[in-house]
Amino acid sequence: MTGSVVVVAHGATVPAAAVGLLRSAGVYAASDVDASLFGVPSLPAAISGDVVLITDSVASPEATALVAAGARVIETPVAPLVEAAEVMDTLRSPGGCPWDAVQTHDSLRQYLVEETYELLEAIEENDREALREELGDVLLQVLFHARVAAEDATEPFTIDDVARDLVAKLVGRHPNVFAGAARVATAGDQELKWEELKQVEKQRRSIVDGVALGQPAVALAAKLGQRSGRAGIPLDLFPAGSAPAAQLFRTAATARRAGTDPEGELRAVAKQFARDVRAAEEAAREAGVEPSTLEADGWRKFWP
């Protein structure tokens, strides 16, 4: 069977170099693929002559036997995103990673938050290497949650469903790009159009529907300030009083209406303060003073 060919498919996708072979006689599907996807019969127990075998893995029993007999292998390298999903499946499946196997959507929440903030820090620090790594860590969380969701007994969905919904959303909310609608002139106009389409699509009854109430407080106040500004709610209806919380809300919401990201700005100030603390501590040590003994005047002396 030296003229036989083993075609390694991934899902319903076959290598381009093998498409012509699928029109020939003697095409069969290995036991590890769904024969109906390709419209060919399963490989019979006894065969003679050369065949074209469609398989999911060159390590399948049928493929192994043919390759040992001299069959040629045609395989397209797996796309990295597909490979990442397959690795996640393996880790979650029996015989995989015990820790991965017991995780739930709830237990994974903390990691999603942590990885998101690490990505945010990489962006703020303009660290390209860290940015690449942290994007991968956030992608892992998406793959992980989708894999857990696929096991749900009542409402399962897969990473393919997630991607399919995303494509539909992106296309549907950009009719100016994909459906020949009137062009949008600026990024600001596009943002407004996006919100309008989202309101209609989700049938929202309130301008604050869809605002993530679990986000950091400054970011939440800013988002509410932005949404209320689009609706024409005046500033004098913001929470009143001299309480620190009310003042913080007014500051954050007003800043966002003016085009400033108060969450990012406040984080930048906080990070600079942290750097100043470290610099003062180091200056104190260089002067032979233990930072833990510093009082107000001592901090002022060594403050950068």
C-alpha atoms as a PDB file:
ATOM      1  CA  MET A   1       0.000   0.000   0.000  1.00  0.00           C
ATOM      2  CA  THR A   2       2.852   2.330  -0.714  1.00  0.00           C
ATOM      3  CA  GLY A   3       0.495   4.460  -2.815  1.00  0.00           C
ATOM      4  CA  SER A   4      -1.922   5.015   0.060  1.00  0.00           C
ATOM      5  CA  VAL A   5      -2.357   8.477   1.532  1.00  0.00           C
ATOM      6  CA  VAL A   6      -3.221   9.413   5.098  1.00  0.00           C
ATOM      7  CA  VAL A   7      -4.981  12.779   5.243  1.00  0.00           C
ATOM      8  CA  VAL A   8      -4.938  14.329   8.704  1.00  0.00           C
ATOM      9  CA  ALA A   9      -8.015  16.534   9.097  1.00  0.00           C
ATOM     10  CA  HIS A  10      -8.878  18.872  11.930  1.00  0.00           C
ATOM     11  CA  GLY A  11     -12.612  18.932  12.509  1.00  0.00           C
ATOM     12  CA  ALA A  12     -14.160  19.103   9.041  1.00  0.00           C
ATOM     13  CA  THR A  13     -11.105  20.817   7.535  1.00  0.00           C
ATOM     14  CA  VAL A  14      -8.695  18.938   5.303  1.00  0.00           C
ATOM     15  CA  PRO A  15      -5.351  20.126   3.950  1.00  0.00           C
ATOM     16  CA  ALA A  16      -5.641  21.981   0.644  1.00  0.00           C
ATOM     17  CA  ALA A  17      -3.141  19.579  -0.930  1.00  0.00           C
ATOM     18  CA  ALA A  18      -5.520  16.686  -0.266  1.00  0.00           C
ATOM     19  CA  VAL A  19      -8.742  18.164  -1.691  1.00  0.00           C
ATOM     20  CA  GLY A  20      -8.230  16.559  -5.106  1.00  0.00           C
ATOM     21  CA  LEU A  21      -7.683  13.156  -3.535  1.00  0.00           C
ATOM     22  CA  LEU A  22     -11.115  13.233  -1.911  1.00  0.00           C
ATOM     23  CA  ARG A  23     -12.681  12.941  -5.375  1.00  0.00           C
ATOM     24  CA  SER A  24     -10.884   9.689  -6.093  1.00  0.00           C
ATOM     25  CA  ALA A  25     -12.098   6.166  -5.421  1.00  0.00           C
ATOM     26  CA  GLY A  26     -11.136   4.348  -2.266  1.00  0.00           C
ATOM     27  CA  VAL A  27     -11.583   7.235   0.174  1.00  0.00           C
ATOM     28  CA  TYR A  28     -12.453   6.173   3.715  1.00  0.00           C
ATOM     29  CA  ALA A  29     -12.816   7.711   7.165  1.00  0.00           C
ATOM     30  CA  ALA A  30     -10.936   6.406  10.175  1.00  0.00           C
ATOM     31  CA  SER A  31     -12.798   5.570  13.367  1.00  0.00           C
ATOM     32  CA  ASP A  32     -11.682   8.828  15.028  1.00  0.00           C
ATOM     33  CA  VAL A  33     -13.597  11.084  12.602  1.00  0.00           C
ATOM     34  CA  ASP A  34     -17.263  11.501  11.692  1.00  0.00           C
ATOM     35  CA  ALA A  35     -17.540   9.879   8.249  1.00  0.00           C
ATOM     36  CA  SER A  36     -20.748  11.828   7.498  1.00  0.00           C
ATOM     37  CA  LEU A  37     -18.813  15.107   7.573  1.00  0.00           C
ATOM     38  CA  PHE A  38     -16.945  14.033   4.455  1.00  0.00           C
ATOM     39  CA  GLY A  39     -19.604  11.865   2.817  1.00  0.00           C
ATOM     40  CA  VAL A  40     -17.372   8.795   2.693  1.00  0.00           C
ATOM     41  CA  PRO A  41     -17.688   5.337   4.270  1.00  0.00           C
ATOM     42  CA  SER A  42     -15.778   4.189   7.307  1.00  0.00           C
ATOM     43  CA  LEU A  43     -12.672   2.151   6.669  1.00  0.00           C
ATOM     44  CA  PRO A  44     -13.684  -1.537   6.439  1.00  0.00           C
ATOM     45  CA  ALA A  45     -11.950  -4.147   8.531  1.00  0.00           C
ATOM     46  CA  ALA A  46     -10.335  -5.729   5.475  1.00  0.00           C
ATOM     47  CA  ILE A  47      -9.026  -3.678   2.554  1.00  0.00           C
ATOM     48  CA  SER A  48      -6.868  -4.356  -0.451  1.00  0.00           C
ATOM     49  CA  GLY A  49      -5.051  -1.924  -2.667  1.00  0.00           C
ATOM     50  CA  ASP A  50      -4.232   1.689  -2.076  1.00  0.00           C
ATOM     51  CA  VAL A  51      -6.637   3.944  -0.142  1.00  0.00           C
ATOM     52  CA  VAL A  52      -7.032   7.527   0.981  1.00  0.00           C
ATOM     53  CA  LEU A  53      -7.723   7.605   4.713  1.00  0.00           C
ATOM     54  CA  ILE A  54      -9.139  10.671   6.435  1.00  0.00           C
ATOM     55  CA  THR A  55      -8.182  10.705  10.089  1.00  0.00           C
ATOM     56  CA  ASP A  56      -8.018  13.133  12.993  1.00  0.00           C
ATOM     57  CA  SER A  57      -4.573  11.942  14.047  1.00  0.00           C
ATOM     58  CA  VAL A  58      -1.687  10.172  12.415  1.00  0.00           C
ATOM     59  CA  ALA A  59      -1.547   8.152  15.633  1.00  0.00           C
ATOM     60  CA  SER A  60      -4.969   6.544  15.081  1.00  0.00           C
ATOM     61  CA  PRO A  61      -4.815   2.745  14.713  1.00  0.00           C
ATOM     62  CA  GLU A  62      -5.814   2.779  11.032  1.00  0.00           C
ATOM     63  CA  ALA A  63      -3.379   5.564  10.176  1.00  0.00           C
ATOM     64  CA  THR A  64      -0.555   3.911  12.108  1.00  0.00           C
ATOM     65  CA  ALA A  65      -0.973   0.711  10.111  1.00  0.00           C
ATOM     66  CA  LEU A  66      -1.022   2.497   6.766  1.00  0.00           C
ATOM     67  CA  VAL A  67       1.997   4.660   7.587  1.00  0.00           C
ATOM     68  CA  ALA A  68       3.901   1.551   8.666  1.00  0.00           C
ATOM     69  CA  ALA A  69       3.093   0.060   5.243  1.00  0.00           C
ATOM     70  CA  GLY A  70       4.561   3.113   3.495  1.00  0.00           C
ATOM     71  CA  ALA A  71       1.574   5.454   3.102  1.00  0.00           C
ATOM     72  CA  ARG A  72       2.217   9.137   2.460  1.00  0.00           C
ATOM     73  CA  VAL A  73       0.936  11.627   5.027  1.00  0.00           C
ATOM     74  CA  ILE A  74      -0.628  14.961   4.126  1.00  0.00           C
ATOM     75  CA  GLU A  75      -1.187  17.197   7.114  1.00  0.00           C
ATOM     76  CA  THR A  76      -1.723  20.906   7.506  1.00  0.00           C
ATOM     77  CA  PRO A  77      -0.195  22.320  10.692  1.00  0.00           C
ATOM     78  CA  VAL A  78      -2.872  23.081  13.241  1.00  0.00           C
ATOM     79  CA  ALA A  79      -3.650  26.787  13.581  1.00  0.00           C
ATOM     80  CA  PRO A  80      -2.237  27.980  16.937  1.00  0.00           C
ATOM     81  CA  LEU A  81      -5.689  28.993  18.210  1.00  0.00           C
ATOM     82  CA  VAL A  82      -7.070  25.555  17.365  1.00  0.00           C
ATOM     83  CA  GLU A  83      -4.073  23.917  19.008  1.00  0.00           C
ATOM     84  CA  ALA A  84      -4.601  26.017  22.144  1.00  0.00           C
ATOM     85  CA  ALA A  85      -8.218  24.831  22.352  1.00  0.00           C
ATOM     86  CA  GLU A  86      -7.101  21.222  21.850  1.00  0.00           C
ATOM     87  CA  VAL A  87      -4.508  21.536  24.626  1.00  0.00           C
ATOM     88  CA  MET A  88      -7.198  22.925  26.932  1.00  0.00           C
ATOM     89  CA  ASP A  89      -9.443  19.982  26.048  1.00  0.00           C
ATOM     90  CA  THR A  90      -6.653  17.547  26.897  1.00  0.00           C
ATOM     91  CA  LEU A  91      -5.927  19.202  30.231  1.00  0.00           C
ATOM     92  CA  ARG A  92      -9.597  19.113  31.178  1.00  0.00           C
ATOM     93  CA  SER A  93     -10.258  15.551  29.984  1.00  0.00           C
ATOM     94  CA  PRO A  94      -9.739  12.293  31.949  1.00  0.00           C
ATOM     95  CA  GLY A  95      -6.027  11.630  32.286  1.00  0.00           C
ATOM     96  CA  GLY A  96      -5.258  15.339  32.020  1.00  0.00           C
ATOM     97  CA  CYS A  97      -4.486  17.807  34.806  1.00  0.00           C
ATOM     98  CA  PRO A  98      -6.207  17.087  38.171  1.00  0.00           C
ATOM     99  CA  TRP A  99      -6.303  20.799  39.064  1.00  0.00           C
ATOM    100  CA  ASP A 100      -7.800  21.838  35.732  1.00  0.00           C
ATOM    101  CA  ALA A 101     -10.375  19.057  35.984  1.00  0.00           C
ATOM    102  CA  VAL A 102     -12.012  20.366  39.164  1.00  0.00           C
ATOM    103  CA  GLN A 103     -12.236  24.058  38.258  1.00  0.00           C
ATOM    104  CA  THR A 104     -15.584  25.799  37.786  1.00  0.00           C
ATOM    105  CA  HIS A 105     -16.674  29.151  36.398  1.00  0.00           C
ATOM    106  CA  ASP A 106     -16.844  30.418  39.970  1.00  0.00           C
ATOM    107  CA  SER A 107     -13.414  29.138  41.045  1.00  0.00           C
ATOM    108  CA  LEU A 108     -11.819  30.660  37.946  1.00  0.00           C
ATOM    109  CA  ARG A 109     -13.166  34.181  38.540  1.00  0.00           C
ATOM    110  CA  GLN A 110     -10.203  35.328  40.609  1.00  0.00           C
ATOM    111  CA  TYR A 111      -7.748  34.302  37.900  1.00  0.00           C
ATOM    112  CA  LEU A 112      -9.650  36.170  35.212  1.00  0.00           C
ATOM    113  CA  VAL A 113      -9.501  39.341  37.315  1.00  0.00           C
ATOM    114  CA  GLU A 114      -5.806  38.862  38.147  1.00  0.00           C
ATOM    115  CA  GLU A 115      -4.796  38.173  34.546  1.00  0.00           C
ATOM    116  CA  THR A 116      -6.793  41.157  33.304  1.00  0.00           C
ATOM    117  CA  TYR A 117      -5.015  43.494  35.697  1.00  0.00           C
ATOM    118  CA  GLU A 118      -1.630  42.040  34.758  1.00  0.00           C
ATOM    119  CA  LEU A 119      -2.473  42.708  31.107  1.00  0.00           C
ATOM    120  CA  LEU A 120      -3.510  46.237  32.009  1.00  0.00           C
ATOM    121  CA  GLU A 121      -0.180  46.812  33.765  1.00  0.00           C
ATOM    122  CA  ALA A 122       1.755  45.524  30.739  1.00  0.00           C
ATOM    123  CA  ILE A 123      -0.126  48.022  28.553  1.00  0.00           C
ATOM    124  CA  GLU A 124       0.528  50.875  30.976  1.00  0.00           C
ATOM    125  CA  GLU A 125       4.231  50.002  31.181  1.00  0.00           C
ATOM    126  CA  ASN A 126       4.459  49.595  27.396  1.00  0.00           C
ATOM    127  CA  ASP A 127       6.154  46.242  27.990  1.00  0.00           C
ATOM    128  CA  ARG A 128       5.774  44.412  24.675  1.00  0.00           C
ATOM    129  CA  GLU A 129       7.078  41.072  25.937  1.00  0.00           C
ATOM    130  CA  ALA A 130       4.771  41.140  28.951  1.00  0.00           C
ATOM    131  CA  LEU A 131       1.887  42.293  26.753  1.00  0.00           C
ATOM    132  CA  ARG A 132       2.258  39.237  24.552  1.00  0.00           C
ATOM    133  CA  GLU A 133       2.448  36.908  27.538  1.00  0.00           C
ATOM    134  CA  GLU A 134      -0.486  38.460  29.398  1.00  0.00           C
ATOM    135  CA  LEU A 135      -2.683  38.383  26.296  1.00  0.00           C
ATOM    136  CA  GLY A 136      -2.013  34.647  26.224  1.00  0.00           C
ATOM    137  CA  ASP A 137      -2.997  34.334  29.883  1.00  0.00           C
ATOM    138  CA  VAL A 138      -6.276  36.162  29.246  1.00  0.00           C
ATOM    139  CA  LEU A 139      -6.895  33.929  26.214  1.00  0.00           C
ATOM    140  CA  LEU A 140      -6.353  30.923  28.479  1.00  0.00           C
ATOM    141  CA  GLN A 141      -9.176  32.141  30.704  1.00  0.00           C
ATOM    142  CA  VAL A 142     -11.507  32.391  27.698  1.00  0.00           C
ATOM    143  CA  LEU A 143     -10.572  28.886  26.538  1.00  0.00           C
ATOM    144  CA  PHE A 144     -10.904  27.528  30.076  1.00  0.00           C
ATOM    145  CA  HIS A 145     -14.379  28.980  30.663  1.00  0.00           C
ATOM    146  CA  ALA A 146     -15.569  27.793  27.243  1.00  0.00           C
ATOM    147  CA  ARG A 147     -14.286  24.273  27.953  1.00  0.00           C
ATOM    148  CA  VAL A 148     -16.083  24.221  31.324  1.00  0.00           C
ATOM    149  CA  ALA A 149     -19.239  25.485  29.607  1.00  0.00           C
ATOM    150  CA  ALA A 150     -19.064  22.651  27.071  1.00  0.00           C
ATOM    151  CA  GLU A 151     -19.579  20.176  29.928  1.00  0.00           C
ATOM    152  CA  ASP A 152     -22.763  21.816  31.186  1.00  0.00           C
ATOM    153  CA  ALA A 153     -25.587  19.270  31.131  1.00  0.00           C
ATOM    154  CA  THR A 154     -28.388  21.762  30.482  1.00  0.00           C
ATOM    155  CA  GLU A 155     -26.987  24.610  28.373  1.00  0.00           C
ATOM    156  CA  PRO A 156     -23.630  23.582  26.911  1.00  0.00           C
ATOM    157  CA  PHE A 157     -21.690  25.735  24.471  1.00  0.00           C
ATOM    158  CA  THR A 158     -18.188  25.561  23.039  1.00  0.00           C
ATOM    159  CA  ILE A 159     -15.404  27.934  22.096  1.00  0.00           C
ATOM    160  CA  ASP A 160     -16.682  27.722  18.517  1.00  0.00           C
ATOM    161  CA  ASP A 161     -20.076  28.994  19.697  1.00  0.00           C
ATOM    162  CA  VAL A 162     -18.338  31.846  21.506  1.00  0.00           C
ATOM    163  CA  ALA A 163     -16.385  32.774  18.366  1.00  0.00           C
ATOM    164  CA  ARG A 164     -19.491  32.439  16.175  1.00  0.00           C
ATOM    165  CA  ASP A 165     -21.480  34.795  18.411  1.00  0.00           C
ATOM    166  CA  LEU A 166     -18.593  37.263  18.427  1.00  0.00           C
ATOM    167  CA  VAL A 167     -18.415  37.309  14.638  1.00  0.00           C
ATOM    168  CA  ALA A 168     -22.160  37.888  14.415  1.00  0.00           C
ATOM    169  CA  LYS A 169     -21.927  40.727  16.936  1.00  0.00           C
ATOM    170  CA  LEU A 170     -19.017  42.460  15.196  1.00  0.00           C
ATOM    171  CA  VAL A 171     -20.658  42.219  11.784  1.00  0.00           C
ATOM    172  CA  GLY A 172     -24.090  43.232  13.070  1.00  0.00           C
ATOM    173  CA  ARG A 173     -22.795  46.291  14.899  1.00  0.00           C
ATOM    174  CA  HIS A 174     -20.763  47.508  11.931  1.00  0.00           C
ATOM    175  CA  PRO A 175     -23.351  47.765   9.140  1.00  0.00           C
ATOM    176  CA  ASN A 176     -21.293  50.631   7.734  1.00  0.00           C
ATOM    177  CA  VAL A 177     -18.481  48.145   7.077  1.00  0.00           C
ATOM    178  CA  PHE A 178     -20.268  44.892   6.254  1.00  0.00           C
ATOM    179  CA  ALA A 179     -23.769  45.820   5.050  1.00  0.00           C
ATOM    180  CA  GLY A 180     -23.267  48.866   2.846  1.00  0.00           C
ATOM    181  CA  ALA A 181     -24.800  51.307   5.336  1.00  0.00           C
ATOM    182  CA  ALA A 182     -23.747  54.945   5.459  1.00  0.00           C
ATOM    183  CA  ARG A 183     -20.115  55.378   6.433  1.00  0.00           C
ATOM    184  CA  VAL A 184     -19.271  56.538   9.952  1.00  0.00           C
ATOM    185  CA  ALA A 185     -16.990  59.571   9.940  1.00  0.00           C
ATOM    186  CA  THR A 186     -15.203  59.423  13.293  1.00  0.00           C
ATOM    187  CA  ALA A 187     -14.392  57.069  16.135  1.00  0.00           C
ATOM    188  CA  GLY A 188     -16.765  59.032  18.373  1.00  0.00           C
ATOM    189  CA  ASP A 189     -19.600  58.596  15.895  1.00  0.00           C
ATOM    190  CA  GLN A 190     -18.843  54.876  15.721  1.00  0.00           C
ATOM    191  CA  GLU A 191     -18.992  54.596  19.506  1.00  0.00           C
ATOM    192  CA  LEU A 192     -22.399  56.278  19.587  1.00  0.00           C
ATOM    193  CA  LYS A 193     -23.664  54.057  16.767  1.00  0.00           C
ATOM    194  CA  TRP A 194     -22.409  50.969  18.600  1.00  0.00           C
ATOM    195  CA  GLU A 195     -24.343  51.954  21.737  1.00  0.00           C
ATOM    196  CA  GLU A 196     -27.508  52.670  19.729  1.00  0.00           C
ATOM    197  CA  LEU A 197     -27.363  49.288  18.001  1.00  0.00           C
ATOM    198  CA  LYS A 198     -26.649  47.572  21.314  1.00  0.00           C
ATOM    199  CA  GLN A 199     -29.667  49.221  22.943  1.00  0.00           C
ATOM    200  CA  VAL A 200     -31.944  47.964  20.160  1.00  0.00           C
ATOM    201  CA  GLU A 201     -30.333  44.532  19.942  1.00  0.00           C
ATOM    202  CA  LYS A 202     -30.574  43.817  23.670  1.00  0.00           C
ATOM    203  CA  GLN A 203     -33.943  45.606  24.055  1.00  0.00           C
ATOM    204  CA  ARG A 204     -32.656  47.574  26.999  1.00  0.00           C
ATOM    205  CA  ARG A 205     -35.195  49.599  28.949  1.00  0.00           C
ATOM    206  CA  SER A 206     -32.658  51.792  30.777  1.00  0.00           C
ATOM    207  CA  ILE A 207     -29.506  53.656  29.826  1.00  0.00           C
ATOM    208  CA  VAL A 208     -27.724  51.925  32.707  1.00  0.00           C
ATOM    209  CA  ASP A 209     -28.675  48.416  31.583  1.00  0.00           C
ATOM    210  CA  GLY A 210     -25.522  46.509  30.694  1.00  0.00           C
ATOM    211  CA  VAL A 211     -23.216  48.537  32.944  1.00  0.00           C
ATOM    212  CA  ALA A 212     -21.029  46.074  34.866  1.00  0.00           C
ATOM    213  CA  LEU A 213     -21.788  46.981  38.467  1.00  0.00           C
ATOM    214  CA  GLY A 214     -18.960  44.763  39.731  1.00  0.00           C
ATOM    215  CA  GLN A 215     -16.179  46.833  38.168  1.00  0.00           C
ATOM    216  CA  PRO A 216     -13.893  49.052  40.294  1.00  0.00           C
ATOM    217  CA  ALA A 217     -15.818  51.933  41.861  1.00  0.00           C
ATOM    218  CA  VAL A 218     -14.006  54.742  40.051  1.00  0.00           C
ATOM    219  CA  ALA A 219     -14.463  53.019  36.699  1.00  0.00           C
ATOM    220  CA  LEU A 220     -18.131  52.377  37.533  1.00  0.00           C
ATOM    221  CA  ALA A 221     -18.742  56.024  38.417  1.00  0.00           C
ATOM    222  CA  ALA A 222     -17.003  57.051  35.193  1.00  0.00           C
ATOM    223  CA  LYS A 223     -19.139  54.705  33.090  1.00  0.00           C
ATOM    224  CA  LEU A 224     -22.320  55.966  34.693  1.00  0.00           C
ATOM    225  CA  GLY A 225     -21.149  59.523  34.092  1.00  0.00           C
ATOM    226  CA  GLN A 226     -20.584  58.730  30.424  1.00  0.00           C
ATOM    227  CA  ARG A 227     -23.933  56.974  29.938  1.00  0.00           C
ATOM    228  CA  SER A 228     -25.863  59.697  31.774  1.00  0.00           C
ATOM    229  CA  GLY A 229     -24.100  62.376  29.747  1.00  0.00           C
ATOM    230  CA  ARG A 230     -25.248  60.798  26.478  1.00  0.00           C
ATOM    231  CA  ALA A 231     -28.800  60.809  27.831  1.00  0.00           C
ATOM    232  CA  GLY A 232     -28.585  64.491  28.784  1.00  0.00           C
ATOM    233  CA  ILE A 233     -28.805  64.028  32.555  1.00  0.00           C
ATOM    234  CA  PRO A 234     -27.455  67.281  34.079  1.00  0.00           C
ATOM    235  CA  LEU A 235     -24.550  67.403  36.503  1.00  0.00           C
ATOM    236  CA  ASP A 236     -26.721  68.830  39.283  1.00  0.00           C
ATOM    237  CA  LEU A 237     -28.481  65.448  39.525  1.00  0.00           C
ATOM    238  CA  PHE A 238     -25.260  63.691  40.497  1.00  0.00           C
ATOM    239  CA  PRO A 239     -25.084  62.460  44.134  1.00  0.00           C
ATOM    240  CA  ALA A 240     -24.917  65.541  46.350  1.00  0.00           C
ATOM    241  CA  GLY A 241     -23.284  66.276  49.674  1.00  0.00           C
ATOM    242  CA  SER A 242     -19.817  66.552  51.136  1.00  0.00           C
ATOM    243  CA  ALA A 243     -19.356  62.877  51.935  1.00  0.00           C
ATOM    244  CA  PRO A 244     -16.124  61.529  50.392  1.00  0.00           C
ATOM    245  CA  ALA A 245     -18.012  58.909  48.373  1.00  0.00           C
ATOM    246  CA  ALA A 246     -20.298  61.479  46.771  1.00  0.00           C
ATOM    247  CA  GLN A 247     -17.366  63.757  45.990  1.00  0.00           C
ATOM    248  CA  LEU A 248     -15.443  60.846  44.444  1.00  0.00           C
ATOM    249  CA  PHE A 249     -18.433  59.933  42.293  1.00  0.00           C
ATOM    250  CA  ARG A 250     -18.832  63.504  41.025  1.00  0.00           C
ATOM    251  CA  THR A 251     -15.118  63.781  40.279  1.00  0.00           C
ATOM    252  CA  ALA A 252     -14.946  60.487  38.380  1.00  0.00           C
ATOM    253  CA  ALA A 253     -18.216  60.924  36.481  1.00  0.00           C
ATOM    254  CA  THR A 254     -17.445  64.512  35.487  1.00  0.00           C
ATOM    255  CA  ALA A 255     -13.930  63.585  34.371  1.00  0.00           C
ATOM    256  CA  ARG A 256     -15.270  60.839  32.101  1.00  0.00           C
ATOM    257  CA  ARG A 257     -17.750  63.222  30.525  1.00  0.00           C
ATOM    258  CA  ALA A 258     -14.822  65.509  29.774  1.00  0.00           C
ATOM    259  CA  GLY A 259     -13.010  62.687  27.968  1.00  0.00           C
ATOM    260  CA  THR A 260     -10.635  61.613  30.751  1.00  0.00           C
ATOM    261  CA  ASP A 261     -10.278  58.056  32.010  1.00  0.00           C
ATOM    262  CA  PRO A 262     -10.317  58.620  35.789  1.00  0.00           C
ATOM    263  CA  GLU A 263      -9.582  54.966  36.568  1.00  0.00           C
ATOM    264  CA  GLY A 264      -6.431  55.025  34.467  1.00  0.00           C
ATOM    265  CA  GLU A 265      -5.384  58.475  35.662  1.00  0.00           C
ATOM    266  CA  LEU A 266      -5.880  57.563  39.316  1.00  0.00           C
ATOM    267  CA  ARG A 267      -3.941  54.331  38.820  1.00  0.00           C
ATOM    268  CA  ALA A 268      -1.068  56.273  37.260  1.00  0.00           C
ATOM    269  CA  VAL A 269      -0.959  58.667  40.229  1.00  0.00           C
ATOM    270  CA  ALA A 270      -1.116  55.757  42.687  1.00  0.00           C
ATOM    271  CA  LYS A 271       1.713  53.923  40.926  1.00  0.00           C
ATOM    272  CA  GLN A 272       3.848  57.064  40.994  1.00  0.00           C
ATOM    273  CA  PHE A 273       3.166  57.410  44.712  1.00  0.00           C
ATOM    274  CA  ALA A 274       4.289  53.806  45.210  1.00  0.00           C
ATOM    275  CA  ARG A 275       7.522  54.566  43.310  1.00  0.00           C
ATOM    276  CA  ASP A 276       8.088  57.624  45.503  1.00  0.00           C
ATOM    277  CA  VAL A 277       7.639  55.517  48.646  1.00  0.00           C
ATOM    278  CA  ARG A 278      10.238  53.023  47.405  1.00  0.00           C
ATOM    279  CA  ALA A 279      12.635  55.850  46.502  1.00  0.00           C
ATOM    280  CA  ALA A 280      12.288  57.425  49.978  1.00  0.00           C
ATOM    281  CA  GLU A 281      12.878  54.057  51.643  1.00  0.00           C
ATOM    282  CA  GLU A 282      15.985  53.469  49.541  1.00  0.00           C
ATOM    283  CA  ALA A 283      17.295  56.984  50.292  1.00  0.00           C
ATOM    284  CA  ALA A 284      16.784  56.369  54.002  1.00  0.00           C
ATOM    285  CA  ARG A 285      18.686  53.078  53.870  1.00  0.00           C
ATOM    286  CA  GLU A 286      21.552  54.746  52.015  1.00  0.00           C
ATOM    287  CA  ALA A 287      21.698  57.291  54.850  1.00  0.00           C
ATOM    288  CA  GLY A 288      21.835  54.474  57.403  1.00  0.00           C
ATOM    289  CA  VAL A 289      18.250  54.902  58.567  1.00  0.00           C
ATOM    290  CA  GLU A 290      15.803  51.980  58.768  1.00  0.00           C
ATOM    291  CA  PRO A 291      12.617  53.044  56.894  1.00  0.00           C
ATOM    292  CA  SER A 292      10.357  51.393  59.491  1.00  0.00           C
ATOM    293  CA  THR A 293      11.577  53.962  62.071  1.00  0.00           C
ATOM    294  CA  LEU A 294      10.673  57.014  59.952  1.00  0.00           C
ATOM    295  CA  GLU A 295       8.112  59.497  61.243  1.00  0.00           C
ATOM    296  CA  ALA A 296       6.524  62.419  59.385  1.00  0.00           C
ATOM    297  CA  ASP A 297       9.616  64.663  59.275  1.00  0.00           C
ATOM    298  CA  GLY A 298      11.818  61.733  58.351  1.00  0.00           C
ATOM    299  CA  TRP A 299       9.606  60.843  55.372  1.00  0.00           C
ATOM    300  CA  ARG A 300       9.681  64.471  54.242  1.00  0.00           C
ATOM    301  CA  LYS A 301      13.486  64.478  54.456  1.00  0.00           C
ATOM    302  CA  PHE A 302      13.952  61.493  52.175  1.00  0.00           C
ATOM    303  CA  TRP A 303      10.978  62.057  49.882  1.00  0.00           C
ATOM    304  CA  PRO A 304      12.097  62.383  46.235  1.00  0.00           C
END
